[in-house]
Structure formats: structure tokens, C-alpha cells
Amino acid sequence: MQPLSLSHVADLAAAQIGGGQPTASLQAIERVLAEIVGVRLFTVLVHDPVRGFICRAYSNMPEAYPVGGTKPINDTPWMRRVLSRGEAYIGRDRDDIRDVFFDYELIWSLGCESVLNLPVRWDATVIGTLNLLHAAHWYDTVDPSRLDPLVQYAVPALLTMKETL
């Protein structure tokens, strides 16, 4: 994992200053994540506990994972860990993907066999997740806490998107 640099921070800030929000900010976050940890499939989910679902707000593979797709919030270990407790999740291989995601065959078909789910928090609440997928064992050595400063750049985009759900 490469460190987050001042150049990355400048790129993220420039994206937030510019137009085309919230997509421009999420694209910049994806570019930085691709550079420092690697990404094949990148999606962003907005968490709406009041209405009981999570909604896909961004996808770099919209043909496979279109924006607007929703999933109900169920009482699963993944939901409790990521959405309730705000803890990152690393799925290291096909078995982990199959154990957590009902659409594991689609994920595998895209060449993805590992996942890094990063909760985005605001005001002590998880408002969404950044979801990075790649080859098996890709994220084994990643320390998710080192990505927290980058993850926080998603807050304005997620708050904006949450208003439009």
C-alpha cells in the first residue's frame, strides 16, 4: 500500500471544488484508491437505516452494478460489522466473497475474489461504504485505518446523495 500523499489530497480537493458533484468527487476517490491500494470494481453505497436499505450511488462498472440498486439491511455479521459498528471488512478470497455476498458468482465473473469495505462515518454514524474489489488476497496487507483520511473525502458526496434517495 502506498501512502496518501499531498498530491493525492490536492487532487481530492480539486475534485470537490470543481463541478459535476457528487460524481466528480467519487471518481477522484476511486483514482486515488486505485493508485494506492488497487481497484478492479469500485462501488459506493449510501446507508439509509431509517428506510432500512443501502443504495448503490456510484459504480465503475455500471453494466454489472448499476447505480440505484438497493439491498435491504439484514441482521448479518457483515451488516453488524460494517454498518452498525463502522469497522472495515476485508474478504480475502472466493470463500469470503461467497460467505458474505449473495451475488458472488457475478463478482467472480468480473475477476474479483477479494474485497475491502470501508465505512464512511459522519457524526458518529455510518452513512455509507466504499467497496473495493480485486484479485484474491489483494488486500491482505492493507491496514484500513490508514485509509481513513481518504475515506472522509466521500462524506460530502454521500450526504448529498442521501438527500436524493
Protein backbone atom coordinates (compact mmCIF):
# COMPACT_ATOMS: atom_id res chain seq x y z
CA MET A 1 0.00 0.00 0.00
CA GLN A 2 1.35 3.37 -0.99
CA PRO A 3 0.86 6.28 1.42
CA LEU A 4 -1.66 9.02 0.80
CA SER A 5 0.39 11.96 -0.48
CA LEU A 6 -0.13 15.71 -0.58
CA SER A 7 -0.57 15.32 -4.33
CA HIS A 8 -3.48 12.93 -3.69
CA VAL A 9 -5.02 15.35 -1.21
CA ALA A 10 -4.67 18.18 -3.74
CA ASP A 11 -6.42 16.05 -6.39
CA LEU A 12 -9.26 15.24 -3.99
CA ALA A 13 -9.67 18.88 -3.00
CA ALA A 14 -9.65 19.99 -6.64
CA ALA A 15 -12.37 17.47 -7.42
CA GLN A 16 -14.53 18.77 -4.58
CA ILE A 17 -14.02 22.37 -5.64
CA GLY A 18 -14.97 21.65 -9.24
CA GLY A 19 -18.35 20.96 -10.77
CA GLY A 20 -20.08 17.69 -11.53
CA GLN A 21 -20.77 16.75 -7.93
CA PRO A 22 -21.05 14.30 -6.36
CA THR A 23 -19.72 12.07 -9.17
CA ALA A 24 -16.54 14.09 -9.66
CA SER A 25 -15.53 13.61 -6.03
CA LEU A 26 -16.23 9.87 -6.11
CA GLN A 27 -14.25 9.47 -9.33
CA ALA A 28 -11.29 11.26 -7.72
CA ILE A 29 -11.52 9.00 -4.66
CA GLU A 30 -11.58 5.97 -6.97
CA ARG A 31 -8.47 7.21 -8.83
CA VAL A 32 -6.55 7.71 -5.60
CA LEU A 33 -7.63 4.34 -4.19
CA ALA A 34 -6.64 2.65 -7.45
CA GLU A 35 -3.20 4.20 -7.18
CA ILE A 36 -2.50 3.49 -3.52
CA VAL A 37 -4.18 0.09 -2.98
CA GLY A 38 -5.61 -1.06 -6.33
CA VAL A 39 -9.20 -1.45 -7.51
CA ARG A 40 -10.96 -3.50 -10.18
CA LEU A 41 -14.55 -2.97 -9.13
CA PHE A 42 -15.38 0.11 -7.08
CA THR A 43 -18.84 0.88 -5.75
CA VAL A 44 -20.20 3.33 -3.20
CA LEU A 45 -23.24 2.52 -1.08
CA VAL A 46 -25.37 5.02 0.81
CA HIS A 47 -26.73 3.73 4.12
CA ASP A 48 -30.32 4.64 4.98
CA PRO A 49 -31.17 2.93 8.28
CA VAL A 50 -34.46 4.80 8.62
CA ARG A 51 -35.83 3.24 5.44
CA GLY A 52 -33.91 0.01 6.01
CA PHE A 53 -31.76 -0.25 2.90
CA ILE A 54 -28.43 0.53 1.31
CA CYS A 55 -28.39 2.05 -2.17
CA ARG A 56 -25.63 1.93 -4.78
CA ALA A 57 -24.73 5.53 -5.51
CA TYR A 58 -21.64 5.00 -7.68
CA SER A 59 -20.12 2.20 -9.71
CA ASN A 60 -17.15 1.99 -12.04
CA MET A 61 -18.86 -1.00 -13.72
CA PRO A 62 -22.44 0.24 -14.17
CA GLU A 63 -23.32 -2.51 -16.63
CA ALA A 64 -22.76 -5.14 -13.91
CA TYR A 65 -23.54 -2.96 -10.87
CA PRO A 66 -25.86 -0.12 -11.89
CA VAL A 67 -26.35 2.97 -9.80
CA GLY A 68 -29.63 2.87 -7.91
CA GLY A 69 -29.56 -0.79 -6.96
CA THR A 70 -30.72 -1.35 -3.38
CA LYS A 71 -30.31 -4.07 -0.78
CA PRO A 72 -32.30 -4.43 2.43
CA ILE A 73 -30.43 -4.04 5.68
CA ASN A 74 -30.45 -7.51 7.23
CA ASP A 75 -29.04 -8.71 10.52
CA THR A 76 -25.89 -10.35 9.13
CA PRO A 77 -22.35 -10.37 10.53
CA TRP A 78 -21.22 -8.12 7.66
CA MET A 79 -24.02 -5.59 8.25
CA ARG A 80 -23.34 -5.53 12.00
CA ARG A 81 -19.59 -5.12 11.50
CA VAL A 82 -19.56 -2.53 8.71
CA LEU A 83 -22.84 -0.61 9.02
CA SER A 84 -23.54 -0.84 12.75
CA ARG A 85 -20.06 -0.80 14.28
CA GLY A 86 -18.32 1.12 11.49
CA GLU A 87 -15.49 -1.39 11.14
CA ALA A 88 -13.79 -2.14 7.84
CA TYR A 89 -14.11 -5.63 6.37
CA ILE A 90 -11.51 -7.50 4.34
CA GLY A 91 -12.66 -10.56 2.42
CA ARG A 92 -9.51 -12.29 1.30
CA ASP A 93 -10.64 -14.95 -1.18
CA ARG A 94 -13.52 -16.64 -3.01
CA ASP A 95 -14.75 -18.32 0.17
CA ASP A 96 -15.04 -14.97 1.95
CA ILE A 97 -16.83 -13.44 -1.04
CA ARG A 98 -19.30 -16.36 -1.17
CA ASP A 99 -19.92 -16.19 2.59
CA VAL A 100 -20.83 -12.50 2.54
CA PHE A 101 -22.34 -11.63 -0.84
CA PHE A 102 -25.34 -13.32 -2.47
CA ASP A 103 -24.11 -12.21 -5.93
CA TYR A 104 -20.71 -13.87 -5.52
CA GLU A 105 -20.84 -15.52 -8.97
CA LEU A 106 -21.19 -12.12 -10.66
CA ILE A 107 -18.34 -10.79 -8.53
CA TRP A 108 -16.13 -13.73 -9.51
CA SER A 109 -17.04 -13.30 -13.19
CA LEU A 110 -15.55 -9.79 -13.03
CA GLY A 111 -12.22 -11.19 -11.86
CA CYS A 112 -12.80 -10.17 -8.26
CA GLU A 113 -12.05 -12.57 -5.43
CA SER A 114 -11.25 -10.20 -2.57
CA VAL A 115 -12.98 -7.17 -1.09
CA LEU A 116 -12.22 -4.21 1.13
CA ASN A 117 -15.32 -2.49 2.54
CA LEU A 118 -14.59 0.87 4.12
CA PRO A 119 -17.33 2.51 6.19
CA VAL A 120 -17.80 6.24 5.75
CA ARG A 121 -18.73 7.89 9.03
CA TRP A 122 -20.22 11.28 9.85
CA ASP A 123 -21.30 12.47 13.28
CA ALA A 124 -20.63 9.02 14.81
CA THR A 125 -22.87 7.32 12.24
CA VAL A 126 -22.08 5.17 9.20
CA ILE A 127 -23.54 6.98 6.20
CA GLY A 128 -22.18 4.64 3.54
CA THR A 129 -19.38 2.42 2.36
CA LEU A 130 -16.60 2.49 -0.20
CA ASN A 131 -16.25 -1.00 -1.68
CA LEU A 132 -13.07 -2.08 -3.41
CA LEU A 133 -12.79 -5.47 -5.11
CA HIS A 134 -9.80 -7.11 -6.77
CA ALA A 135 -7.97 -10.42 -7.25
CA ALA A 136 -7.72 -12.94 -4.42
CA HIS A 137 -5.61 -11.81 -1.44
CA TRP A 138 -5.15 -8.35 -2.97
CA TYR A 139 -5.99 -6.53 0.27
CA ASP A 140 -4.29 -8.93 2.70
CA THR A 141 -1.63 -6.42 3.74
CA VAL A 142 -3.80 -3.30 3.71
CA ASP A 143 -4.36 -1.54 7.03
CA PRO A 144 -7.82 0.01 6.54
CA SER A 145 -7.26 2.58 9.30
CA ARG A 146 -4.52 4.17 7.15
CA LEU A 147 -7.22 4.92 4.57
CA ASP A 148 -9.48 6.83 6.98
CA PRO A 149 -8.28 10.30 5.87
CA LEU A 150 -9.08 9.41 2.26
CA VAL A 151 -12.44 7.82 3.12
CA GLN A 152 -13.58 11.05 4.77
CA TYR A 153 -13.40 12.85 1.43
CA ALA A 154 -16.52 10.86 0.49
CA VAL A 155 -18.64 12.50 3.22
CA PRO A 156 -19.95 15.48 1.20
CA ALA A 157 -20.82 13.24 -1.75
CA LEU A 158 -22.64 10.71 0.41
CA LEU A 159 -24.56 13.36 2.34
CA THR A 160 -25.64 14.91 -0.96
CA MET A 161 -26.69 11.55 -2.37
CA LYS A 162 -28.55 10.60 0.79
CA GLU A 163 -30.75 13.67 0.34
CA THR A 164 -31.88 12.44 -3.08
CA LEU A 165 -32.77 8.85 -2.13
